[in-house]
């Protein structure tokens, strides 16, 4: 397929680790949503049949030899997008929580920004988070909104689209550590001069399995979120210092 044809298509990147029970349905639903979507599943070192199920459902599969985490999987996906000439790419989780019907809406946000986030807290749907986890999300959104000079309510959402500028940025830098794939990568993109917008989306329940919840898990999330934000800020400070030294 030529680069011109790829420019008219949307690459849907699906990071998956041991998601054999849900990835097939997710891939089929994405493909049914629009004939313009090309689906790539990044099999993140799964020990089950994730790759086989995804391929049988019609996805292109990129298999990693061991588990790198969402950040490593997504950087692999963005590298594929850049190499194949795609100008728009979007992450959709394999667990069924991201509704493929909203892909078009999130991608449409790229008409006004380099990165478009599908925001879970914009008066759409019934998705709710309470306790320390919710407090952390509010604090993180407030801080990143100041950096972005735009009101953002959900900076840890993985349902986000990237144009060609953002794809190139993500190929250069896309951290693999906790929250790096969402928070740190977003802060780095903003400091690189990219712009961000958000569109409201409704989240769905996981197709299989249950996310970690409970007071202890929420408190740990709060502490790790603050640490992730501080790490992102420290990286920015370090980069600024190196630039001054070179100057």
Protein backbone atom coordinates (compact mmCIF):
# COMPACT_ATOMS: atom_id res chain seq x y z
CA UNK A 1 0.00 0.00 0.00
CA UNK A 2 1.39 3.43 -0.96
CA UNK A 3 2.06 6.21 1.56
CA UNK A 4 -0.76 8.28 -0.01
CA UNK A 5 -3.26 5.52 0.66
CA UNK A 6 -1.95 5.03 4.19
CA UNK A 7 -2.41 8.75 4.86
CA UNK A 8 -6.17 8.28 4.36
CA UNK A 9 -6.35 5.41 6.84
CA UNK A 10 -6.24 5.19 10.63
CA UNK A 11 -3.92 2.75 12.37
CA UNK A 12 -5.53 1.28 15.48
CA UNK A 13 -2.89 0.05 17.93
CA UNK A 14 -4.02 -2.56 20.46
CA UNK A 15 -1.46 -3.44 23.17
CA UNK A 16 -2.31 -6.85 24.59
CA UNK A 17 -0.84 -9.03 27.32
CA UNK A 18 -2.60 -12.35 27.96
CA UNK A 19 -5.88 -11.09 26.51
CA UNK A 20 -6.91 -14.18 24.55
CA UNK A 21 -10.44 -14.03 25.97
CA UNK A 22 -11.16 -10.46 24.84
CA UNK A 23 -8.78 -9.43 22.04
CA UNK A 24 -10.64 -11.31 19.29
CA UNK A 25 -13.93 -9.54 19.98
CA UNK A 26 -12.12 -6.19 20.26
CA UNK A 27 -10.40 -6.61 16.89
CA UNK A 28 -13.61 -7.68 15.15
CA UNK A 29 -15.52 -4.74 16.62
CA UNK A 30 -12.85 -2.27 15.50
CA UNK A 31 -12.82 -3.67 11.97
CA UNK A 32 -16.61 -3.53 11.82
CA UNK A 33 -16.62 0.12 12.95
CA UNK A 34 -15.00 1.37 9.73
CA UNK A 35 -13.25 -0.05 6.66
CA UNK A 36 -10.65 2.74 7.05
CA UNK A 37 -9.20 1.20 10.21
CA UNK A 38 -6.11 -1.00 10.05
CA UNK A 39 -5.70 -2.98 13.27
CA UNK A 40 -2.31 -3.89 14.72
CA UNK A 41 -2.16 -5.91 17.93
CA UNK A 42 1.11 -5.66 19.82
CA UNK A 43 1.38 -8.97 21.65
CA UNK A 44 3.37 -7.93 24.71
CA UNK A 45 5.08 -11.21 25.53
CA UNK A 46 1.83 -13.07 26.21
CA UNK A 47 2.00 -16.63 27.49
CA UNK A 48 -1.47 -17.52 26.19
CA UNK A 49 -2.98 -17.52 22.67
CA UNK A 50 -3.39 -13.74 22.37
CA UNK A 51 -1.40 -13.58 19.12
CA UNK A 52 -3.26 -16.48 17.51
CA UNK A 53 -6.70 -15.14 18.46
CA UNK A 54 -5.84 -11.61 17.26
CA UNK A 55 -4.50 -12.86 13.95
CA UNK A 56 -7.54 -15.07 13.38
CA UNK A 57 -9.77 -12.03 14.02
CA UNK A 58 -8.03 -10.15 11.19
CA UNK A 59 -5.36 -8.09 12.93
CA UNK A 60 -1.72 -7.69 12.01
CA UNK A 61 0.25 -8.96 15.01
CA UNK A 62 3.59 -7.66 16.27
CA UNK A 63 4.90 -10.13 18.85
CA UNK A 64 7.40 -9.01 21.49
CA UNK A 65 9.69 -11.72 22.91
CA UNK A 66 8.90 -10.75 26.51
CA UNK A 67 6.62 -8.42 28.44
CA UNK A 68 7.70 -4.76 28.13
CA UNK A 69 4.56 -3.12 29.52
CA UNK A 70 2.14 -0.83 27.74
CA UNK A 71 4.81 1.83 27.10
CA UNK A 72 7.15 -0.57 25.35
CA UNK A 73 4.30 -2.10 23.36
CA UNK A 74 3.01 1.29 22.23
CA UNK A 75 6.44 2.52 21.20
CA UNK A 76 6.68 -0.60 19.03
CA UNK A 77 3.30 0.26 17.54
CA UNK A 78 4.21 3.88 16.83
CA UNK A 79 7.48 2.78 15.24
CA UNK A 80 5.45 0.54 12.93
CA UNK A 81 3.10 3.46 12.17
CA UNK A 82 6.01 5.75 11.22
CA UNK A 83 7.72 3.08 9.14
CA UNK A 84 4.53 2.27 7.24
CA UNK A 85 3.64 5.91 6.55
CA UNK A 86 0.53 6.35 8.69
CA UNK A 87 -0.34 9.92 9.64
CA UNK A 88 -2.93 9.03 12.29
CA UNK A 89 -2.79 6.34 14.96
CA UNK A 90 -4.94 5.62 17.99
CA UNK A 91 -4.57 3.32 20.99
CA UNK A 92 -7.48 1.05 21.86
CA UNK A 93 -7.17 -1.32 24.82
CA UNK A 94 -7.72 -5.02 24.24
CA UNK A 95 -10.01 -5.47 27.25
CA UNK A 96 -13.08 -3.96 25.60
CA UNK A 97 -13.34 -0.81 27.74
CA UNK A 98 -12.70 1.55 24.83
CA UNK A 99 -15.71 1.66 22.51
CA UNK A 100 -14.62 1.39 18.84
CA UNK A 101 -17.63 3.53 17.95
CA UNK A 102 -15.79 6.45 19.60
CA UNK A 103 -12.60 6.05 17.53
CA UNK A 104 -13.87 8.40 14.84
CA UNK A 105 -14.73 11.05 17.44
CA UNK A 106 -11.32 10.87 19.13
CA UNK A 107 -9.45 10.91 15.81
CA UNK A 108 -11.52 13.94 14.72
CA UNK A 109 -9.87 15.86 17.57
CA UNK A 110 -6.63 15.76 15.57
CA UNK A 111 -8.11 18.47 13.35
CA UNK A 112 -7.31 20.94 16.14
CA UNK A 113 -4.39 19.35 18.01
CA UNK A 114 -1.50 16.90 17.66
CA UNK A 115 -2.85 14.59 20.37
CA UNK A 116 -6.52 13.87 21.06
CA UNK A 117 -7.53 12.22 24.34
CA UNK A 118 -10.74 10.29 24.85
CA UNK A 119 -11.67 11.73 28.24
CA UNK A 120 -13.65 9.64 30.71
CA UNK A 121 -14.73 12.54 32.94
CA UNK A 122 -16.56 14.88 30.56
CA UNK A 123 -20.20 14.30 31.49
CA UNK A 124 -20.57 11.33 29.15
CA UNK A 125 -21.32 7.83 30.39
CA UNK A 126 -21.27 6.53 33.95
CA UNK A 127 -17.55 5.90 34.48
CA UNK A 128 -16.60 6.96 38.01
CA UNK A 129 -13.55 6.78 40.25
CA UNK A 130 -13.63 7.59 43.95
CA UNK A 131 -11.26 8.06 46.86
CA UNK A 132 -7.49 8.60 46.58
CA UNK A 133 -7.44 7.40 42.97
CA UNK A 134 -9.92 10.13 41.99
CA UNK A 135 -7.95 12.75 43.95
CA UNK A 136 -4.80 11.76 42.13
CA UNK A 137 -6.51 12.10 38.75
CA UNK A 138 -7.79 15.57 39.64
CA UNK A 139 -4.34 16.76 40.77
CA UNK A 140 -2.61 15.30 37.74
CA UNK A 141 -5.16 16.83 35.36
CA UNK A 142 -4.78 20.24 37.01
CA UNK A 143 -0.99 20.24 36.74
CA UNK A 144 -0.88 18.97 33.16
CA UNK A 145 -3.62 21.43 32.14
CA UNK A 146 -1.34 24.27 33.19
CA UNK A 147 1.48 22.87 31.06
CA UNK A 148 -0.88 22.34 28.11
CA UNK A 149 -2.56 25.74 28.57
CA UNK A 150 -5.81 23.90 27.97
CA UNK A 151 -8.34 22.33 30.33
CA UNK A 152 -7.86 18.58 30.50
CA UNK A 153 -9.80 16.29 32.80
CA UNK A 154 -8.32 12.86 32.08
CA UNK A 155 -4.57 12.85 31.48
CA UNK A 156 -4.17 9.15 32.32
CA UNK A 157 -6.58 7.91 29.66
CA UNK A 158 -4.96 5.46 27.25
CA UNK A 159 -7.66 6.07 24.64
CA UNK A 160 -5.79 8.69 22.64
CA UNK A 161 -4.97 9.51 19.03
CA UNK A 162 -1.81 10.95 17.51
CA UNK A 163 -1.09 12.76 14.26
CA UNK A 164 2.19 12.44 12.37
CA UNK A 165 3.99 14.95 14.62
CA UNK A 166 2.94 13.05 17.73
CA UNK A 167 3.80 9.70 16.15
CA UNK A 168 7.33 10.95 15.46
CA UNK A 169 7.60 12.27 19.04
CA UNK A 170 6.46 8.94 20.47
CA UNK A 171 8.99 7.05 18.38
CA UNK A 172 11.73 9.23 19.89
CA UNK A 173 10.42 9.04 23.46
CA UNK A 174 7.76 6.81 24.95
CA UNK A 175 8.58 5.67 28.50
CA UNK A 176 7.79 2.17 29.70
CA UNK A 177 7.57 2.66 33.48
CA UNK A 178 4.37 3.02 35.52
CA UNK A 179 2.11 5.77 34.08
CA UNK A 180 4.89 6.66 31.65
CA UNK A 181 2.79 5.54 28.71
CA UNK A 182 0.11 8.10 29.58
CA UNK A 183 1.34 10.85 31.90
CA UNK A 184 5.07 11.08 31.17
CA UNK A 185 4.65 10.67 27.40
CA UNK A 186 2.03 13.44 27.42
CA UNK A 187 4.18 15.87 29.45
CA UNK A 188 7.17 15.16 27.19
CA UNK A 189 5.06 15.81 24.09
CA UNK A 190 3.82 19.12 25.52
CA UNK A 191 7.36 20.24 26.33
CA UNK A 192 8.33 19.33 22.75
CA UNK A 193 5.75 21.86 21.51
CA UNK A 194 2.89 19.53 20.63
CA UNK A 195 -0.71 20.48 21.34
CA UNK A 196 -3.37 18.43 23.12
CA UNK A 197 -7.16 18.39 23.12
CA UNK A 198 -9.77 16.05 24.56
CA UNK A 199 -13.17 14.73 23.52
CA UNK A 200 -15.74 13.11 25.82
CA UNK A 201 -16.16 9.34 25.61
CA UNK A 202 -18.02 6.72 27.62
CA UNK A 203 -16.05 3.82 29.06
CA UNK A 204 -17.40 0.29 29.13
CA UNK A 205 -16.86 -2.47 31.71
CA UNK A 206 -13.95 -4.82 31.09
CA UNK A 207 -14.93 -7.77 28.92
CA UNK A 208 -13.04 -10.17 31.21
CA UNK A 209 -11.13 -9.88 34.48
CA UNK A 210 -11.34 -7.16 37.08
CA UNK A 211 -9.16 -4.08 37.60
CA UNK A 212 -7.35 -3.59 40.91
CA UNK A 213 -9.52 -1.66 43.36
CA UNK A 214 -9.86 -1.13 47.10
CA UNK A 215 -8.52 1.51 49.52
CA UNK A 216 -4.99 0.15 49.58
CA UNK A 217 -4.73 -0.05 45.80
CA UNK A 218 -6.15 3.47 45.45
CA UNK A 219 -3.67 4.88 47.96
CA UNK A 220 -0.77 3.21 46.16
CA UNK A 221 -2.08 4.68 42.89
CA UNK A 222 -2.11 8.16 44.44
CA UNK A 223 1.50 7.88 45.64
CA UNK A 224 2.77 6.39 42.40
CA UNK A 225 0.91 9.04 40.37
CA UNK A 226 2.60 11.84 42.27
CA UNK A 227 5.96 10.12 41.82
CA UNK A 228 5.33 9.75 38.06
CA UNK A 229 4.52 13.47 37.77
CA UNK A 230 7.65 14.45 39.70
CA UNK A 231 9.72 12.15 37.48
CA UNK A 232 8.33 13.78 34.35
CA UNK A 233 9.10 17.24 35.77
CA UNK A 234 12.64 16.19 36.74
CA UNK A 235 13.29 14.88 33.25
CA UNK A 236 12.18 18.22 31.82
CA UNK A 237 14.48 20.10 34.22
CA UNK A 238 17.40 17.85 33.30
CA UNK A 239 16.79 18.41 29.60
CA UNK A 240 16.63 22.15 30.13
CA UNK A 241 19.94 22.13 32.00
CA UNK A 242 21.65 20.18 29.23
CA UNK A 243 20.35 22.68 26.66
CA UNK A 244 21.75 25.56 28.69
CA UNK A 245 25.13 23.83 28.91
CA UNK A 246 25.21 23.32 25.15
CA UNK A 247 24.29 26.98 24.64
